[in-house]
Amino acid sequence: MDDWWANDKKHWRYRFNADRLRIRVIRDTPKSFELFLAGEMDNFGMNLAEFNFDRLPDSHPLVQRGLIHKATFYNDIPRPTWGLWMNSARRHLDNNDVRIGINYASNWELVIQQFFRGEYARMNTSADGYGSMTHPDIRARPFDIVRAREHFARAGFVNRGADGILVNERGERLSFTLSTGSEALAGVLTILREEARKAGLEFRIEVLDASTNWKKVQEKNHDITFSAFGVSVELFPRYWETITR
C-alpha cells in the first residue's frame, strides 16, 4: 500500500507493509539454520541451546562482524503447552496413580539444565501467562523417585524385573511409547528415558515427523506424546479445546 498511514513511524518503519512476501517451507531445522547463515533467510529463532550456544555463539565471526545480531527478550504471555500428553484410554494409563507416578518420574529440572542450558523455566500449569486467571498456588510435581514408586505400587507395580523395569502380578511391564513430532527435541526424550528408569519406568522413544505424529495422536493411537498446543494472547485460558484422550 503506497499511502499506508504508519509506513514512516519510528517503530513501524521497515517492518510492515512489505511490497512482496516470499514464503519457503523448510522442514529440516538444521537446513533452515544453514540457509540463515548463508544470508538466504532474514531471521532464525535461537530458542534451542544447540544453536544459541554451540552453532552460533557470541564469538562466531558473523556475530563479531555485526552481520548477525542476537537478541533476547522476555514477556509474560501464554506459552505453548509443552508437556507429556497421555492417552488415558490406553491400558495402565487409565490409572490415575500411574499418571501421577509418571509425573514424579519425569526429571524436567535436569532437562532444563542439560538440554536447554538453564535458559528455560518450567510451567506450573497449562494456563501460565494469563495474569490473575493463572492459579497462583499450583506447582508442577518435582522429580521424586520415592513418590513415583509409591504411586506405581498403588497401581500394582511393585517389583522390578531383571532389566530394572517394574512389573505387576501379571508380569506386565511398566512401559510406554513416548513419541514426538519434533526431531530437534529428541534429546529431551533421551534424558527423560534415562531418568525414568531410576523409578522403574520405561519410555520407548519414537521420533516421527510432525504430520505423522499429529495423525497418530488424532487417531488416539499414541501412549504418551511430547508436544504442545498453540495458544493465543487473550484474557482467559481455554481448558477443554486441548484435551486429548
C-alpha atoms as a PDB file:
ATOM      1  CA  MET A   1       0.000   0.000   0.000  1.00  0.00           C
ATOM      2  CA  ASP A   2       1.570   3.254  -1.137  1.00  0.00           C
ATOM      3  CA  ASP A   3      -0.143   5.581   1.350  1.00  0.00           C
ATOM      4  CA  TRP A   4      -0.239   3.389   4.474  1.00  0.00           C
ATOM      5  CA  TRP A   5      -0.573   5.693   7.495  1.00  0.00           C
ATOM      6  CA  ALA A   6       2.147   4.041   9.656  1.00  0.00           C
ATOM      7  CA  ASN A   7       4.712   3.499   6.933  1.00  0.00           C
ATOM      8  CA  ASP A   8       7.203   6.082   8.281  1.00  0.00           C
ATOM      9  CA  LYS A   9       6.502   5.931  12.004  1.00  0.00           C
ATOM     10  CA  LYS A  10       9.541   5.186  14.191  1.00  0.00           C
ATOM     11  CA  HIS A  11       8.599   1.745  15.467  1.00  0.00           C
ATOM     12  CA  TRP A  12       6.905   0.610  12.263  1.00  0.00           C
ATOM     13  CA  ARG A  13       9.386   1.564   9.547  1.00  0.00           C
ATOM     14  CA  TYR A  14      10.893  -1.308   7.541  1.00  0.00           C
ATOM     15  CA  ARG A  15       8.893  -3.892   9.469  1.00  0.00           C
ATOM     16  CA  PHE A  16       5.456  -3.992   7.881  1.00  0.00           C
ATOM     17  CA  ASN A  17       3.681  -3.129   4.641  1.00  0.00           C
ATOM     18  CA  ALA A  18       6.030  -5.248   2.558  1.00  0.00           C
ATOM     19  CA  ASP A  19       5.768  -4.998  -1.214  1.00  0.00           C
ATOM     20  CA  ARG A  20       6.158  -8.733  -1.555  1.00  0.00           C
ATOM     21  CA  LEU A  21       6.304 -11.780   0.740  1.00  0.00           C
ATOM     22  CA  ARG A  22       8.290 -14.848  -0.255  1.00  0.00           C
ATOM     23  CA  ILE A  23       7.309 -17.963   1.683  1.00  0.00           C
ATOM     24  CA  ARG A  24       9.564 -21.027   1.774  1.00  0.00           C
ATOM     25  CA  VAL A  25       8.701 -24.285   3.523  1.00  0.00           C
ATOM     26  CA  ILE A  26      11.828 -25.885   5.009  1.00  0.00           C
ATOM     27  CA  ARG A  27      11.019 -28.943   7.075  1.00  0.00           C
ATOM     28  CA  ASP A  28      14.517 -29.527   8.419  1.00  0.00           C
ATOM     29  CA  THR A  29      15.683 -27.193  11.219  1.00  0.00           C
ATOM     30  CA  PRO A  30      19.458 -27.611  10.601  1.00  0.00           C
ATOM     31  CA  LYS A  31      18.859 -26.853   6.914  1.00  0.00           C
ATOM     32  CA  SER A  32      16.998 -23.677   7.862  1.00  0.00           C
ATOM     33  CA  PHE A  33      19.913 -22.653  10.042  1.00  0.00           C
ATOM     34  CA  GLU A  34      22.436 -23.170   7.232  1.00  0.00           C
ATOM     35  CA  LEU A  35      20.314 -21.055   4.892  1.00  0.00           C
ATOM     36  CA  PHE A  36      20.167 -18.359   7.553  1.00  0.00           C
ATOM     37  CA  LEU A  37      23.968 -18.329   7.880  1.00  0.00           C
ATOM     38  CA  ALA A  38      24.233 -18.085   4.096  1.00  0.00           C
ATOM     39  CA  GLY A  39      22.035 -14.982   4.124  1.00  0.00           C
ATOM     40  CA  GLU A  40      19.071 -16.614   2.389  1.00  0.00           C
ATOM     41  CA  MET A  41      16.781 -16.140   5.400  1.00  0.00           C
ATOM     42  CA  ASP A  42      16.247 -12.902   7.301  1.00  0.00           C
ATOM     43  CA  ASN A  43      15.879 -14.365  10.793  1.00  0.00           C
ATOM     44  CA  PHE A  44      16.170 -17.589  12.746  1.00  0.00           C
ATOM     45  CA  GLY A  45      14.703 -18.444  16.148  1.00  0.00           C
ATOM     46  CA  MET A  46      17.549 -19.243  18.564  1.00  0.00           C
ATOM     47  CA  ASN A  47      15.281 -20.951  21.068  1.00  0.00           C
ATOM     48  CA  LEU A  48      17.365 -24.139  21.185  1.00  0.00           C
ATOM     49  CA  ALA A  49      20.602 -24.122  23.183  1.00  0.00           C
ATOM     50  CA  GLU A  50      22.314 -26.118  20.428  1.00  0.00           C
ATOM     51  CA  PHE A  51      22.088 -23.118  18.112  1.00  0.00           C
ATOM     52  CA  ASN A  52      22.414 -20.319  20.636  1.00  0.00           C
ATOM     53  CA  PHE A  53      25.498 -21.700  22.405  1.00  0.00           C
ATOM     54  CA  ASP A  54      27.159 -24.205  20.077  1.00  0.00           C
ATOM     55  CA  ARG A  55      26.446 -23.372  16.445  1.00  0.00           C
ATOM     56  CA  LEU A  56      26.219 -19.606  16.750  1.00  0.00           C
ATOM     57  CA  PRO A  57      27.993 -18.447  19.931  1.00  0.00           C
ATOM     58  CA  ASP A  58      28.668 -14.770  20.547  1.00  0.00           C
ATOM     59  CA  SER A  59      32.227 -15.383  19.344  1.00  0.00           C
ATOM     60  CA  HIS A  60      31.075 -16.511  15.885  1.00  0.00           C
ATOM     61  CA  PRO A  61      32.672 -14.394  13.103  1.00  0.00           C
ATOM     62  CA  LEU A  62      29.296 -13.368  11.662  1.00  0.00           C
ATOM     63  CA  VAL A  63      28.218 -12.094  15.078  1.00  0.00           C
ATOM     64  CA  GLN A  64      31.534 -10.383  15.758  1.00  0.00           C
ATOM     65  CA  ARG A  65      31.407  -8.606  12.398  1.00  0.00           C
ATOM     66  CA  GLY A  66      27.894  -7.352  13.081  1.00  0.00           C
ATOM     67  CA  LEU A  67      26.335  -9.276  10.207  1.00  0.00           C
ATOM     68  CA  ILE A  68      24.113 -11.191  12.637  1.00  0.00           C
ATOM     69  CA  HIS A  69      22.527  -9.582  15.689  1.00  0.00           C
ATOM     70  CA  LYS A  70      21.384 -11.830  18.532  1.00  0.00           C
ATOM     71  CA  ALA A  71      18.619 -10.588  20.812  1.00  0.00           C
ATOM     72  CA  THR A  72      16.927 -11.996  23.912  1.00  0.00           C
ATOM     73  CA  PHE A  73      13.662 -10.566  25.198  1.00  0.00           C
ATOM     74  CA  TYR A  74      11.122 -11.539  27.819  1.00  0.00           C
ATOM     75  CA  ASN A  75       7.375 -11.189  28.177  1.00  0.00           C
ATOM     76  CA  ASP A  76       4.546 -12.587  30.256  1.00  0.00           C
ATOM     77  CA  ILE A  77       2.077 -14.076  27.826  1.00  0.00           C
ATOM     78  CA  PRO A  78       0.580 -17.571  27.443  1.00  0.00           C
ATOM     79  CA  ARG A  79       3.021 -20.225  26.302  1.00  0.00           C
ATOM     80  CA  PRO A  80       2.511 -23.292  24.089  1.00  0.00           C
ATOM     81  CA  THR A  81       1.582 -26.172  26.372  1.00  0.00           C
ATOM     82  CA  TRP A  82       4.696 -28.327  26.013  1.00  0.00           C
ATOM     83  CA  GLY A  83       4.449 -31.473  28.093  1.00  0.00           C
ATOM     84  CA  LEU A  84       3.708 -35.194  28.142  1.00  0.00           C
ATOM     85  CA  TRP A  85       0.171 -35.663  26.816  1.00  0.00           C
ATOM     86  CA  MET A  86      -1.090 -39.061  27.965  1.00  0.00           C
ATOM     87  CA  ASN A  87      -3.718 -41.158  26.256  1.00  0.00           C
ATOM     88  CA  SER A  88      -5.826 -42.120  29.274  1.00  0.00           C
ATOM     89  CA  ALA A  89      -7.794 -44.602  27.184  1.00  0.00           C
ATOM     90  CA  ARG A  90      -4.709 -46.870  26.959  1.00  0.00           C
ATOM     91  CA  ARG A  91      -4.139 -49.762  29.327  1.00  0.00           C
ATOM     92  CA  HIS A  92      -2.471 -48.685  32.594  1.00  0.00           C
ATOM     93  CA  LEU A  93      -2.572 -45.042  31.554  1.00  0.00           C
ATOM     94  CA  ASP A  94      -6.227 -45.132  32.558  1.00  0.00           C
ATOM     95  CA  ASN A  95      -4.976 -45.465  36.144  1.00  0.00           C
ATOM     96  CA  ASN A  96      -4.554 -42.111  37.889  1.00  0.00           C
ATOM     97  CA  ASP A  97      -1.737 -43.413  40.089  1.00  0.00           C
ATOM     98  CA  VAL A  98       0.249 -44.432  37.018  1.00  0.00           C
ATOM     99  CA  ARG A  99      -0.205 -40.978  35.516  1.00  0.00           C
ATOM    100  CA  ILE A 100       0.839 -39.244  38.741  1.00  0.00           C
ATOM    101  CA  GLY A 101       3.803 -41.610  39.045  1.00  0.00           C
ATOM    102  CA  ILE A 102       4.917 -40.646  35.544  1.00  0.00           C
ATOM    103  CA  ASN A 103       4.823 -37.005  36.653  1.00  0.00           C
ATOM    104  CA  TYR A 104       7.160 -37.734  39.550  1.00  0.00           C
ATOM    105  CA  ALA A 105       9.405 -39.928  37.371  1.00  0.00           C
ATOM    106  CA  SER A 106       9.944 -37.183  34.754  1.00  0.00           C
ATOM    107  CA  ASN A 107      13.047 -35.134  35.551  1.00  0.00           C
ATOM    108  CA  TRP A 108      12.247 -31.826  33.856  1.00  0.00           C
ATOM    109  CA  GLU A 109      14.726 -29.973  36.043  1.00  0.00           C
ATOM    110  CA  LEU A 110      17.563 -31.986  34.510  1.00  0.00           C
ATOM    111  CA  VAL A 111      16.150 -31.441  31.016  1.00  0.00           C
ATOM    112  CA  ILE A 112      16.216 -27.682  31.584  1.00  0.00           C
ATOM    113  CA  GLN A 113      19.769 -27.700  32.930  1.00  0.00           C
ATOM    114  CA  GLN A 114      21.320 -30.121  30.435  1.00  0.00           C
ATOM    115  CA  PHE A 115      19.386 -29.706  27.203  1.00  0.00           C
ATOM    116  CA  PHE A 116      18.325 -26.066  27.497  1.00  0.00           C
ATOM    117  CA  ARG A 117      21.441 -24.909  29.451  1.00  0.00           C
ATOM    118  CA  GLY A 118      19.279 -23.330  32.136  1.00  0.00           C
ATOM    119  CA  GLU A 119      17.698 -20.914  29.669  1.00  0.00           C
ATOM    120  CA  TYR A 120      14.147 -22.240  30.072  1.00  0.00           C
ATOM    121  CA  ALA A 121      11.728 -22.281  33.016  1.00  0.00           C
ATOM    122  CA  ARG A 122       9.176 -24.961  33.723  1.00  0.00           C
ATOM    123  CA  MET A 123       5.475 -24.136  33.515  1.00  0.00           C
ATOM    124  CA  ASN A 124       3.449 -24.962  36.614  1.00  0.00           C
ATOM    125  CA  THR A 125       0.141 -25.296  34.787  1.00  0.00           C
ATOM    126  CA  SER A 126      -1.147 -25.457  31.239  1.00  0.00           C
ATOM    127  CA  ALA A 127      -2.520 -21.955  31.756  1.00  0.00           C
ATOM    128  CA  ASP A 128       0.556 -19.932  32.744  1.00  0.00           C
ATOM    129  CA  GLY A 129       0.776 -16.367  31.497  1.00  0.00           C
ATOM    130  CA  TYR A 130      -2.858 -15.347  31.997  1.00  0.00           C
ATOM    131  CA  GLY A 131      -2.247 -12.921  34.847  1.00  0.00           C
ATOM    132  CA  SER A 132      -4.907 -13.151  37.543  1.00  0.00           C
ATOM    133  CA  MET A 133      -6.518 -16.051  35.674  1.00  0.00           C
ATOM    134  CA  THR A 134      -3.460 -18.236  36.326  1.00  0.00           C
ATOM    135  CA  HIS A 135      -3.706 -20.133  39.618  1.00  0.00           C
ATOM    136  CA  PRO A 136      -1.043 -18.684  41.966  1.00  0.00           C
ATOM    137  CA  ASP A 137      -0.556 -21.732  44.195  1.00  0.00           C
ATOM    138  CA  ILE A 138      -0.424 -24.736  41.861  1.00  0.00           C
ATOM    139  CA  ARG A 139       3.101 -26.074  41.400  1.00  0.00           C
ATOM    140  CA  ALA A 140       4.349 -28.727  38.997  1.00  0.00           C
ATOM    141  CA  ARG A 141       5.319 -32.014  40.620  1.00  0.00           C
ATOM    142  CA  PRO A 142       9.089 -32.346  41.140  1.00  0.00           C
ATOM    143  CA  PHE A 143      11.255 -35.307  40.163  1.00  0.00           C
ATOM    144  CA  ASP A 144      10.874 -37.696  43.098  1.00  0.00           C
ATOM    145  CA  ILE A 145      11.703 -41.393  42.705  1.00  0.00           C
ATOM    146  CA  VAL A 146      10.265 -42.356  46.103  1.00  0.00           C
ATOM    147  CA  ARG A 147       6.888 -40.744  45.443  1.00  0.00           C
ATOM    148  CA  ALA A 148       6.835 -42.144  41.893  1.00  0.00           C
ATOM    149  CA  ARG A 149       7.367 -45.665  43.274  1.00  0.00           C
ATOM    150  CA  GLU A 150       4.604 -45.122  45.848  1.00  0.00           C
ATOM    151  CA  HIS A 151       2.055 -44.308  43.139  1.00  0.00           C
ATOM    152  CA  PHE A 152       3.247 -47.106  40.854  1.00  0.00           C
ATOM    153  CA  ALA A 153       2.880 -49.524  43.792  1.00  0.00           C
ATOM    154  CA  ARG A 154      -0.715 -48.415  44.323  1.00  0.00           C
ATOM    155  CA  ALA A 155      -1.335 -49.287  40.695  1.00  0.00           C
ATOM    156  CA  GLY A 156       0.084 -52.785  41.250  1.00  0.00           C
ATOM    157  CA  PHE A 157       3.644 -52.240  40.021  1.00  0.00           C
ATOM    158  CA  VAL A 158       5.817 -53.220  42.976  1.00  0.00           C
ATOM    159  CA  ASN A 159       8.653 -55.498  41.886  1.00  0.00           C
ATOM    160  CA  ARG A 160      11.400 -54.808  39.382  1.00  0.00           C
ATOM    161  CA  GLY A 161      12.121 -57.211  36.561  1.00  0.00           C
ATOM    162  CA  ALA A 162      15.582 -58.378  35.511  1.00  0.00           C
ATOM    163  CA  ASP A 163      16.047 -55.186  33.460  1.00  0.00           C
ATOM    164  CA  GLY A 164      15.039 -52.917  36.347  1.00  0.00           C
ATOM    165  CA  ILE A 165      11.578 -52.077  34.971  1.00  0.00           C
ATOM    166  CA  LEU A 166       8.615 -52.549  37.299  1.00  0.00           C
ATOM    167  CA  VAL A 167       6.183 -55.391  36.647  1.00  0.00           C
ATOM    168  CA  ASN A 168       2.786 -56.223  38.108  1.00  0.00           C
ATOM    169  CA  GLU A 169       1.437 -59.606  39.241  1.00  0.00           C
ATOM    170  CA  ARG A 170       0.503 -60.478  35.645  1.00  0.00           C
ATOM    171  CA  GLY A 171       4.058 -59.895  34.509  1.00  0.00           C
ATOM    172  CA  GLU A 172       3.107 -56.735  32.600  1.00  0.00           C
ATOM    173  CA  ARG A 173       5.936 -54.207  32.415  1.00  0.00           C
ATOM    174  CA  LEU A 174       5.520 -50.524  33.246  1.00  0.00           C
ATOM    175  CA  SER A 175       6.460 -49.478  29.738  1.00  0.00           C
ATOM    176  CA  PHE A 176       5.027 -46.885  27.354  1.00  0.00           C
ATOM    177  CA  THR A 177       5.892 -45.457  23.957  1.00  0.00           C
ATOM    178  CA  LEU A 178       6.899 -41.801  24.214  1.00  0.00           C
ATOM    179  CA  SER A 179       6.567 -40.155  20.818  1.00  0.00           C
ATOM    180  CA  THR A 180       7.253 -36.703  19.452  1.00  0.00           C
ATOM    181  CA  GLY A 181       6.925 -34.887  16.157  1.00  0.00           C
ATOM    182  CA  SER A 182       9.887 -32.619  16.867  1.00  0.00           C
ATOM    183  CA  GLU A 183      13.217 -34.136  15.828  1.00  0.00           C
ATOM    184  CA  ALA A 184      15.048 -31.122  17.262  1.00  0.00           C
ATOM    185  CA  LEU A 185      13.759 -32.009  20.749  1.00  0.00           C
ATOM    186  CA  ALA A 186      14.584 -35.716  20.625  1.00  0.00           C
ATOM    187  CA  GLY A 187      17.363 -35.125  23.163  1.00  0.00           C
ATOM    188  CA  VAL A 188      14.715 -34.166  25.721  1.00  0.00           C
ATOM    189  CA  LEU A 189      13.187 -37.631  25.450  1.00  0.00           C
ATOM    190  CA  THR A 190      16.572 -39.297  25.920  1.00  0.00           C
ATOM    191  CA  ILE A 191      17.078 -37.531  29.245  1.00  0.00           C
ATOM    192  CA  LEU A 192      13.547 -38.369  30.381  1.00  0.00           C
ATOM    193  CA  ARG A 193      14.028 -42.019  29.427  1.00  0.00           C
ATOM    194  CA  GLU A 194      17.264 -42.424  31.381  1.00  0.00           C
ATOM    195  CA  GLU A 195      15.889 -40.707  34.477  1.00  0.00           C
ATOM    196  CA  ALA A 196      12.563 -42.583  34.379  1.00  0.00           C
ATOM    197  CA  ARG A 197      14.389 -45.920  34.561  1.00  0.00           C
ATOM    198  CA  LYS A 198      15.556 -44.960  38.053  1.00  0.00           C
ATOM    199  CA  ALA A 199      11.910 -45.177  39.128  1.00  0.00           C
ATOM    200  CA  GLY A 200      11.313 -48.433  37.254  1.00  0.00           C
ATOM    201  CA  LEU A 201       9.520 -46.796  34.324  1.00  0.00           C
ATOM    202  CA  GLU A 202      10.426 -47.471  30.690  1.00  0.00           C
ATOM    203  CA  PHE A 203       9.928 -44.930  27.933  1.00  0.00           C
ATOM    204  CA  ARG A 204      10.265 -46.347  24.407  1.00  0.00           C
ATOM    205  CA  ILE A 205      11.243 -43.337  22.315  1.00  0.00           C
ATOM    206  CA  GLU A 206       9.619 -42.785  18.945  1.00  0.00           C
ATOM    207  CA  VAL A 207      10.627 -39.741  16.863  1.00  0.00           C
ATOM    208  CA  LEU A 208       8.279 -39.051  13.948  1.00  0.00           C
ATOM    209  CA  ASP A 209       7.796 -36.177  11.560  1.00  0.00           C
ATOM    210  CA  ALA A 210       5.283 -33.613  12.784  1.00  0.00           C
ATOM    211  CA  SER A 211       2.433 -34.664  10.477  1.00  0.00           C
ATOM    212  CA  THR A 212       2.763 -38.373  11.250  1.00  0.00           C
ATOM    213  CA  ASN A 213       2.892 -37.789  14.997  1.00  0.00           C
ATOM    214  CA  TRP A 214      -0.125 -35.483  14.932  1.00  0.00           C
ATOM    215  CA  LYS A 215      -2.096 -38.017  12.870  1.00  0.00           C
ATOM    216  CA  LYS A 216      -1.212 -40.703  15.407  1.00  0.00           C
ATOM    217  CA  VAL A 217      -2.437 -38.519  18.271  1.00  0.00           C
ATOM    218  CA  GLN A 218      -5.637 -37.547  16.453  1.00  0.00           C
ATOM    219  CA  GLU A 219      -6.418 -41.208  15.846  1.00  0.00           C
ATOM    220  CA  LYS A 220      -5.738 -41.948  19.542  1.00  0.00           C
ATOM    221  CA  ASN A 221      -3.037 -44.466  18.660  1.00  0.00           C
ATOM    222  CA  HIS A 222      -0.392 -42.948  20.960  1.00  0.00           C
ATOM    223  CA  ASP A 223       0.588 -43.785  24.531  1.00  0.00           C
ATOM    224  CA  ILE A 224       2.290 -40.532  25.502  1.00  0.00           C
ATOM    225  CA  THR A 225       3.306 -37.722  23.187  1.00  0.00           C
ATOM    226  CA  PHE A 226       5.712 -34.890  23.903  1.00  0.00           C
ATOM    227  CA  SER A 227       4.155 -31.978  22.091  1.00  0.00           C
ATOM    228  CA  ALA A 228       2.359 -28.683  22.569  1.00  0.00           C
ATOM    229  CA  PHE A 229      -0.841 -26.974  21.586  1.00  0.00           C
ATOM    230  CA  GLY A 230      -0.756 -23.402  20.379  1.00  0.00           C
ATOM    231  CA  VAL A 231      -2.288 -20.660  22.489  1.00  0.00           C
ATOM    232  CA  SER A 232      -3.431 -17.146  21.769  1.00  0.00           C
ATOM    233  CA  VAL A 233      -2.935 -13.951  23.721  1.00  0.00           C
ATOM    234  CA  GLU A 234      -6.294 -13.475  25.394  1.00  0.00           C
ATOM    235  CA  LEU A 235      -7.673 -12.745  28.843  1.00  0.00           C
ATOM    236  CA  PHE A 236      -8.580 -16.260  29.910  1.00  0.00           C
ATOM    237  CA  PRO A 237      -7.352 -19.837  29.342  1.00  0.00           C
ATOM    238  CA  ARG A 238      -9.310 -22.465  27.445  1.00  0.00           C
ATOM    239  CA  TYR A 239      -9.271 -25.832  29.204  1.00  0.00           C
ATOM    240  CA  TRP A 240     -11.469 -28.021  27.008  1.00  0.00           C
ATOM    241  CA  GLU A 241     -10.154 -27.401  23.490  1.00  0.00           C
ATOM    242  CA  THR A 242      -6.849 -29.220  24.068  1.00  0.00           C
ATOM    243  CA  ILE A 243      -7.962 -32.361  25.875  1.00  0.00           C
ATOM    244  CA  THR A 244      -6.676 -35.480  24.129  1.00  0.00           C
ATOM    245  CA  ARG A 245      -7.705 -38.946  25.208  1.00  0.00           C
END
